[in-house]
Structures are given as structure tokens and as C-alpha cells.
Amino acid sequence: MNFEATKEFILNKLQKELNPDLFYHCYNHTIDVYKSVCRLAKMENINGIHLIYLKTAALFHDSGFLLSYENHEDSSCIMASKTLPLFDYSSNEIELIIKMIKSTKIPQTPETHLEKILCDADLDYVGRDDFFMIAHKLLCEWNKNGNPLSLTKWYQIQVDFLLKNNYFTLSAIELRETKKKENLNEILNLLKEI
């Protein structure tokens, strides 16, 4: 397989072809998840071919937005299954990557260690200082794409989401769980003031 050529191809495609109304599910989100995958993989001692599978899944996990907004994980799997053979990924490797992508659908359902790392990387931001800035990008995206919400309703959805969200790897729990709880408390305090 030719990972570097795959990476160049999909990042170029995302940068040039994603709808500019995707304020959250944009090129920068893919880069963010890719970097988070690399950090978590190192902490979780993932390397070699397994790291390549994980990085490939990170690059393709939201590529389905090139095809459709709804059920984008399914479209991302289609994108991966059509693209990866061109870069000499085997059918078994593609199947493994597709399973990783499918596991990121909310609510997340990872089974393998690699799936857990990808899921944690996809939601890494909920336990970071830039949570509110990134979350508001998603609100803007929803508003622009036919799902308008008031700020109060948005914060209520975020409370429910953060209460249900769990990190799966010890590394992500160590890195992000404390800040995730702080972000949740901040939203609860905001809701009291509204």
C-alpha cells in the first residue's frame, strides 16, 4: 500500500471539494483528528502497519461529506472502498479501515483497540480548551444545513452529548476526561444563567 500517496490524494480532495458550509466537518477537522490519532497511537503503543491503518481511517472518516450530509459515515465507507484499491490496499485492509470508520458513528460503538483510538481522536476536542469554539462551529453548520437551533437548545444537546460520551482508551481518559467534565460544568452554569 502507498500511504503517503493516499494521504496526499484525500487531503487534496477534501481541501478542494468539501462544501464551504461545513464549518465543523471541514478539512481542519480531518487534520485535527489525524493529529489526535497520531498522539493517541503513540501513547497506546500502536506502530507499524496498524498505525498506517489507523491514520488512513482518520483521513477517510468524514470523507463521506464529499458525497452527502446525511449518513456520512456510510458515504465515507463508500469513499474508502472506491479509493483505497487505487493505492494498493488489500480487501482485508479496506474492510478493517471501514469497520473503524463505522465505529465513529454517534453513538460510537468501537470494538477493537484501533477503533477505540479513532473514536477518541474524533471527539478529542470535547476535552480541550477549544471545545466551545469548535462546538459552535458545529452549531453554525447545523443552522446552515437545515437544522436551526436556539443557543439554549444547543447547550441542552451538548449537556446530553457530554454526559453520554465516554473516552475508551486510558490515554484519552488521562488527557481529556478532566477538561471534558469542566466543559460540561461550564455549559450547565450557562444554562442556569439563560
C-alpha atoms as a PDB file:
ATOM      1  CA  MET A   1       0.000   0.000   0.000  1.00  0.00           C
ATOM      2  CA  ASN A   2       1.086   3.556  -0.625  1.00  0.00           C
ATOM      3  CA  PHE A   3       0.011   5.539   2.429  1.00  0.00           C
ATOM      4  CA  GLU A   4       1.767   8.804   1.556  1.00  0.00           C
ATOM      5  CA  ALA A   5       0.111   8.978  -1.861  1.00  0.00           C
ATOM      6  CA  THR A   6      -3.247   8.105  -0.259  1.00  0.00           C
ATOM      7  CA  LYS A   7      -2.818  10.873   2.300  1.00  0.00           C
ATOM      8  CA  GLU A   8      -1.911  13.429  -0.356  1.00  0.00           C
ATOM      9  CA  PHE A   9      -4.854  12.392  -2.546  1.00  0.00           C
ATOM     10  CA  ILE A  10      -7.593  12.523   0.106  1.00  0.00           C
ATOM     11  CA  LEU A  11      -6.368  15.694   1.809  1.00  0.00           C
ATOM     12  CA  ASN A  12      -6.180  17.463  -1.547  1.00  0.00           C
ATOM     13  CA  LYS A  13      -9.688  16.272  -2.406  1.00  0.00           C
ATOM     14  CA  LEU A  14     -11.094  17.380   0.957  1.00  0.00           C
ATOM     15  CA  GLN A  15      -9.409  20.763   0.768  1.00  0.00           C
ATOM     16  CA  LYS A  16     -10.680  21.489  -2.736  1.00  0.00           C
ATOM     17  CA  GLU A  17     -14.098  19.823  -2.836  1.00  0.00           C
ATOM     18  CA  LEU A  18     -15.750  19.974   0.607  1.00  0.00           C
ATOM     19  CA  ASN A  19     -18.761  22.268   0.811  1.00  0.00           C
ATOM     20  CA  PRO A  20     -17.641  25.567   2.412  1.00  0.00           C
ATOM     21  CA  ASP A  21     -20.805  25.442   4.580  1.00  0.00           C
ATOM     22  CA  LEU A  22     -19.215  22.583   6.542  1.00  0.00           C
ATOM     23  CA  PHE A  23     -17.860  24.760   9.310  1.00  0.00           C
ATOM     24  CA  TYR A  24     -17.164  21.810  11.612  1.00  0.00           C
ATOM     25  CA  HIS A  25     -16.766  18.798   9.295  1.00  0.00           C
ATOM     26  CA  CYS A  26     -14.131  20.609   7.274  1.00  0.00           C
ATOM     27  CA  TYR A  27     -10.566  19.956   6.175  1.00  0.00           C
ATOM     28  CA  ASN A  28      -9.268  21.280   9.520  1.00  0.00           C
ATOM     29  CA  HIS A  29     -11.378  18.744  11.433  1.00  0.00           C
ATOM     30  CA  THR A  30      -9.781  15.901   9.485  1.00  0.00           C
ATOM     31  CA  ILE A  31      -6.323  17.298  10.239  1.00  0.00           C
ATOM     32  CA  ASP A  32      -7.257  17.653  13.913  1.00  0.00           C
ATOM     33  CA  VAL A  33      -8.461  14.044  14.122  1.00  0.00           C
ATOM     34  CA  TYR A  34      -5.378  12.848  12.242  1.00  0.00           C
ATOM     35  CA  LYS A  35      -3.067  14.599  14.720  1.00  0.00           C
ATOM     36  CA  SER A  36      -5.087  13.257  17.659  1.00  0.00           C
ATOM     37  CA  VAL A  37      -4.860   9.731  16.228  1.00  0.00           C
ATOM     38  CA  CYS A  38      -1.094  10.053  15.933  1.00  0.00           C
ATOM     39  CA  ARG A  39      -0.775  11.314  19.520  1.00  0.00           C
ATOM     40  CA  LEU A  40      -3.056   8.636  20.990  1.00  0.00           C
ATOM     41  CA  ALA A  41      -1.467   5.867  18.907  1.00  0.00           C
ATOM     42  CA  LYS A  42       1.944   6.799  20.283  1.00  0.00           C
ATOM     43  CA  MET A  43       0.606   6.798  23.839  1.00  0.00           C
ATOM     44  CA  GLU A  44      -1.129   3.456  23.221  1.00  0.00           C
ATOM     45  CA  ASN A  45       1.997   1.908  21.638  1.00  0.00           C
ATOM     46  CA  ILE A  46       0.475   1.454  18.183  1.00  0.00           C
ATOM     47  CA  ASN A  47       3.009   1.412  15.357  1.00  0.00           C
ATOM     48  CA  GLY A  48       3.884  -0.251  12.061  1.00  0.00           C
ATOM     49  CA  ILE A  49       1.086  -1.402   9.805  1.00  0.00           C
ATOM     50  CA  HIS A  50      -1.572  -0.863  12.483  1.00  0.00           C
ATOM     51  CA  LEU A  51      -0.614   2.805  12.713  1.00  0.00           C
ATOM     52  CA  ILE A  52      -0.996   3.115   8.932  1.00  0.00           C
ATOM     53  CA  TYR A  53      -4.490   1.584   9.109  1.00  0.00           C
ATOM     54  CA  LEU A  54      -5.423   3.973  11.887  1.00  0.00           C
ATOM     55  CA  LYS A  55      -4.071   7.041  10.094  1.00  0.00           C
ATOM     56  CA  THR A  56      -5.853   6.005   6.890  1.00  0.00           C
ATOM     57  CA  ALA A  57      -9.156   5.624   8.748  1.00  0.00           C
ATOM     58  CA  ALA A  58      -8.667   9.066  10.320  1.00  0.00           C
ATOM     59  CA  LEU A  59      -8.125  10.633   6.897  1.00  0.00           C
ATOM     60  CA  PHE A  60     -11.244   8.995   5.445  1.00  0.00           C
ATOM     61  CA  HIS A  61     -13.572   9.041   8.463  1.00  0.00           C
ATOM     62  CA  ASP A  62     -15.507  12.126   7.281  1.00  0.00           C
ATOM     63  CA  SER A  63     -14.727  11.934   3.562  1.00  0.00           C
ATOM     64  CA  GLY A  64     -18.363  10.959   3.021  1.00  0.00           C
ATOM     65  CA  PHE A  65     -19.293  14.622   3.339  1.00  0.00           C
ATOM     66  CA  LEU A  66     -17.992  14.892  -0.216  1.00  0.00           C
ATOM     67  CA  LEU A  67     -20.991  12.755  -1.229  1.00  0.00           C
ATOM     68  CA  SER A  68     -23.779  13.534   1.258  1.00  0.00           C
ATOM     69  CA  TYR A  69     -24.532  15.257   4.553  1.00  0.00           C
ATOM     70  CA  GLU A  70     -26.839  12.578   5.928  1.00  0.00           C
ATOM     71  CA  ASN A  71     -25.346   9.213   6.925  1.00  0.00           C
ATOM     72  CA  HIS A  72     -21.894  10.488   6.096  1.00  0.00           C
ATOM     73  CA  GLU A  73     -20.199   7.512   7.763  1.00  0.00           C
ATOM     74  CA  ASP A  74     -21.765   5.191   5.191  1.00  0.00           C
ATOM     75  CA  SER A  75     -20.633   7.540   2.432  1.00  0.00           C
ATOM     76  CA  SER A  76     -17.148   7.652   3.979  1.00  0.00           C
ATOM     77  CA  CYS A  77     -17.029   3.851   3.755  1.00  0.00           C
ATOM     78  CA  ILE A  78     -18.013   4.061   0.081  1.00  0.00           C
ATOM     79  CA  MET A  79     -15.304   6.658  -0.484  1.00  0.00           C
ATOM     80  CA  ALA A  80     -12.686   4.469   1.208  1.00  0.00           C
ATOM     81  CA  SER A  81     -13.763   1.307  -0.621  1.00  0.00           C
ATOM     82  CA  LYS A  82     -13.536   3.040  -4.013  1.00  0.00           C
ATOM     83  CA  THR A  83     -10.318   4.959  -3.351  1.00  0.00           C
ATOM     84  CA  LEU A  84      -8.060   2.647  -1.354  1.00  0.00           C
ATOM     85  CA  PRO A  85      -7.701  -0.081  -4.023  1.00  0.00           C
ATOM     86  CA  LEU A  86      -6.133   2.571  -6.258  1.00  0.00           C
ATOM     87  CA  PHE A  87      -3.325   2.827  -3.679  1.00  0.00           C
ATOM     88  CA  ASP A  88      -2.799  -0.942  -3.307  1.00  0.00           C
ATOM     89  CA  TYR A  89      -4.747  -1.523  -0.093  1.00  0.00           C
ATOM     90  CA  SER A  90      -5.958  -5.131   0.062  1.00  0.00           C
ATOM     91  CA  SER A  91      -9.616  -6.039   0.546  1.00  0.00           C
ATOM     92  CA  ASN A  92      -8.859  -7.192   4.112  1.00  0.00           C
ATOM     93  CA  GLU A  93      -7.131  -3.901   4.905  1.00  0.00           C
ATOM     94  CA  ILE A  94     -10.038  -1.925   3.451  1.00  0.00           C
ATOM     95  CA  GLU A  95     -12.534  -3.961   5.480  1.00  0.00           C
ATOM     96  CA  LEU A  96     -10.595  -3.198   8.676  1.00  0.00           C
ATOM     97  CA  ILE A  97     -10.495   0.542   7.849  1.00  0.00           C
ATOM     98  CA  ILE A  98     -14.216   0.581   7.026  1.00  0.00           C
ATOM     99  CA  LYS A  99     -15.023  -1.013  10.390  1.00  0.00           C
ATOM    100  CA  MET A 100     -13.012   1.727  12.096  1.00  0.00           C
ATOM    101  CA  ILE A 101     -14.897   4.432  10.196  1.00  0.00           C
ATOM    102  CA  LYS A 102     -18.282   2.860  11.042  1.00  0.00           C
ATOM    103  CA  SER A 103     -17.388   2.806  14.734  1.00  0.00           C
ATOM    104  CA  THR A 104     -17.264   6.633  14.814  1.00  0.00           C
ATOM    105  CA  LYS A 105     -20.997   6.982  14.162  1.00  0.00           C
ATOM    106  CA  ILE A 106     -22.710   8.569  17.164  1.00  0.00           C
ATOM    107  CA  PRO A 107     -23.326   6.817  19.483  1.00  0.00           C
ATOM    108  CA  GLN A 108     -19.848   5.405  18.990  1.00  0.00           C
ATOM    109  CA  THR A 109     -19.520   1.616  19.044  1.00  0.00           C
ATOM    110  CA  PRO A 110     -15.831   0.692  18.937  1.00  0.00           C
ATOM    111  CA  GLU A 111     -14.881  -2.932  19.485  1.00  0.00           C
ATOM    112  CA  THR A 112     -11.176  -3.130  18.692  1.00  0.00           C
ATOM    113  CA  HIS A 113      -8.296  -1.149  20.152  1.00  0.00           C
ATOM    114  CA  LEU A 114      -7.788   0.704  16.854  1.00  0.00           C
ATOM    115  CA  GLU A 115     -11.488   1.586  16.678  1.00  0.00           C
ATOM    116  CA  LYS A 116     -11.352   2.936  20.227  1.00  0.00           C
ATOM    117  CA  ILE A 117      -8.380   5.152  19.378  1.00  0.00           C
ATOM    118  CA  LEU A 118     -10.134   6.560  16.290  1.00  0.00           C
ATOM    119  CA  CYS A 119     -13.334   7.252  18.236  1.00  0.00           C
ATOM    120  CA  ASP A 120     -11.384   9.025  20.978  1.00  0.00           C
ATOM    121  CA  ALA A 121      -9.491  11.084  18.396  1.00  0.00           C
ATOM    122  CA  ASP A 122     -12.717  12.063  16.619  1.00  0.00           C
ATOM    123  CA  LEU A 123     -14.090  13.552  19.854  1.00  0.00           C
ATOM    124  CA  ASP A 124     -10.788  14.707  21.295  1.00  0.00           C
ATOM    125  CA  TYR A 125     -11.975  18.331  21.267  1.00  0.00           C
ATOM    126  CA  VAL A 126     -14.710  17.774  23.883  1.00  0.00           C
ATOM    127  CA  GLY A 127     -11.979  17.519  26.496  1.00  0.00           C
ATOM    128  CA  ARG A 128      -9.945  20.513  25.348  1.00  0.00           C
ATOM    129  CA  ASP A 129      -9.814  24.245  25.960  1.00  0.00           C
ATOM    130  CA  ASP A 130     -11.102  24.943  22.438  1.00  0.00           C
ATOM    131  CA  PHE A 131     -14.291  22.911  22.992  1.00  0.00           C
ATOM    132  CA  PHE A 132     -16.676  25.885  22.856  1.00  0.00           C
ATOM    133  CA  MET A 133     -15.146  27.342  19.722  1.00  0.00           C
ATOM    134  CA  ILE A 134     -15.302  24.000  17.898  1.00  0.00           C
ATOM    135  CA  ALA A 135     -18.769  23.120  19.203  1.00  0.00           C
ATOM    136  CA  HIS A 136     -20.114  26.450  17.955  1.00  0.00           C
ATOM    137  CA  LYS A 137     -18.757  25.644  14.506  1.00  0.00           C
ATOM    138  CA  LEU A 138     -20.989  22.569  14.557  1.00  0.00           C
ATOM    139  CA  LEU A 139     -23.955  24.697  15.644  1.00  0.00           C
ATOM    140  CA  CYS A 140     -23.304  27.073  12.729  1.00  0.00           C
ATOM    141  CA  GLU A 141     -23.027  24.088  10.385  1.00  0.00           C
ATOM    142  CA  TRP A 142     -26.324  22.640  11.587  1.00  0.00           C
ATOM    143  CA  ASN A 143     -28.041  26.026  11.279  1.00  0.00           C
ATOM    144  CA  LYS A 144     -26.725  26.452   7.725  1.00  0.00           C
ATOM    145  CA  ASN A 145     -27.660  22.905   6.698  1.00  0.00           C
ATOM    146  CA  GLY A 146     -31.308  22.885   7.738  1.00  0.00           C
ATOM    147  CA  ASN A 147     -31.233  22.102  11.466  1.00  0.00           C
ATOM    148  CA  PRO A 148     -31.619  25.520  13.135  1.00  0.00           C
ATOM    149  CA  LEU A 149     -31.377  25.570  16.925  1.00  0.00           C
ATOM    150  CA  SER A 150     -31.532  28.193  19.619  1.00  0.00           C
ATOM    151  CA  LEU A 151     -28.465  28.580  21.797  1.00  0.00           C
ATOM    152  CA  THR A 152     -30.400  27.198  24.774  1.00  0.00           C
ATOM    153  CA  LYS A 153     -31.455  24.095  22.859  1.00  0.00           C
ATOM    154  CA  TRP A 154     -27.895  23.703  21.575  1.00  0.00           C
ATOM    155  CA  TYR A 155     -26.467  23.787  25.089  1.00  0.00           C
ATOM    156  CA  GLN A 156     -29.066  21.241  26.235  1.00  0.00           C
ATOM    157  CA  ILE A 157     -27.990  18.926  23.396  1.00  0.00           C
ATOM    158  CA  GLN A 158     -24.352  19.429  24.395  1.00  0.00           C
ATOM    159  CA  VAL A 159     -25.094  18.506  28.022  1.00  0.00           C
ATOM    160  CA  ASP A 160     -26.775  15.292  26.892  1.00  0.00           C
ATOM    161  CA  PHE A 161     -23.915  14.555  24.496  1.00  0.00           C
ATOM    162  CA  LEU A 162     -21.176  15.118  27.077  1.00  0.00           C
ATOM    163  CA  LEU A 163     -22.988  13.026  29.672  1.00  0.00           C
ATOM    164  CA  LYS A 164     -23.254  10.114  27.233  1.00  0.00           C
ATOM    165  CA  ASN A 165     -19.770  10.482  25.719  1.00  0.00           C
ATOM    166  CA  ASN A 166     -17.078   8.210  27.086  1.00  0.00           C
ATOM    167  CA  TYR A 167     -13.455   8.020  26.135  1.00  0.00           C
ATOM    168  CA  PHE A 168     -12.393   4.435  25.501  1.00  0.00           C
ATOM    169  CA  THR A 169      -8.612   4.408  25.815  1.00  0.00           C
ATOM    170  CA  LEU A 170      -6.688   5.030  29.004  1.00  0.00           C
ATOM    171  CA  SER A 171      -4.634   7.646  27.173  1.00  0.00           C
ATOM    172  CA  ALA A 172      -7.667   9.704  26.148  1.00  0.00           C
ATOM    173  CA  ILE A 173      -9.162   9.411  29.628  1.00  0.00           C
ATOM    174  CA  GLU A 174      -5.889  10.639  31.104  1.00  0.00           C
ATOM    175  CA  LEU A 175      -5.578  13.505  28.604  1.00  0.00           C
ATOM    176  CA  ARG A 176      -9.162  14.701  28.246  1.00  0.00           C
ATOM    177  CA  GLU A 177     -11.618  13.452  30.883  1.00  0.00           C
ATOM    178  CA  THR A 178     -10.973  16.175  33.474  1.00  0.00           C
ATOM    179  CA  LYS A 179     -11.366  19.018  30.971  1.00  0.00           C
ATOM    180  CA  LYS A 180     -14.442  17.350  29.483  1.00  0.00           C
ATOM    181  CA  LYS A 181     -16.085  17.484  32.921  1.00  0.00           C
ATOM    182  CA  GLU A 182     -15.063  21.139  33.298  1.00  0.00           C
ATOM    183  CA  ASN A 183     -16.627  21.921  29.901  1.00  0.00           C
ATOM    184  CA  LEU A 184     -19.820  20.148  30.953  1.00  0.00           C
ATOM    185  CA  ASN A 185     -19.992  22.150  34.190  1.00  0.00           C
ATOM    186  CA  GLU A 186     -19.458  25.369  32.280  1.00  0.00           C
ATOM    187  CA  ILE A 187     -22.398  24.571  29.996  1.00  0.00           C
ATOM    188  CA  LEU A 188     -24.589  23.715  32.995  1.00  0.00           C
ATOM    189  CA  ASN A 189     -23.686  27.076  34.535  1.00  0.00           C
ATOM    190  CA  LEU A 190     -24.501  28.863  31.265  1.00  0.00           C
ATOM    191  CA  LEU A 191     -27.894  27.168  31.139  1.00  0.00           C
ATOM    192  CA  LYS A 192     -28.658  28.400  34.671  1.00  0.00           C
ATOM    193  CA  GLU A 193     -27.993  31.966  33.524  1.00  0.00           C
ATOM    194  CA  ILE A 194     -30.103  31.773  30.360  1.00  0.00           C
END
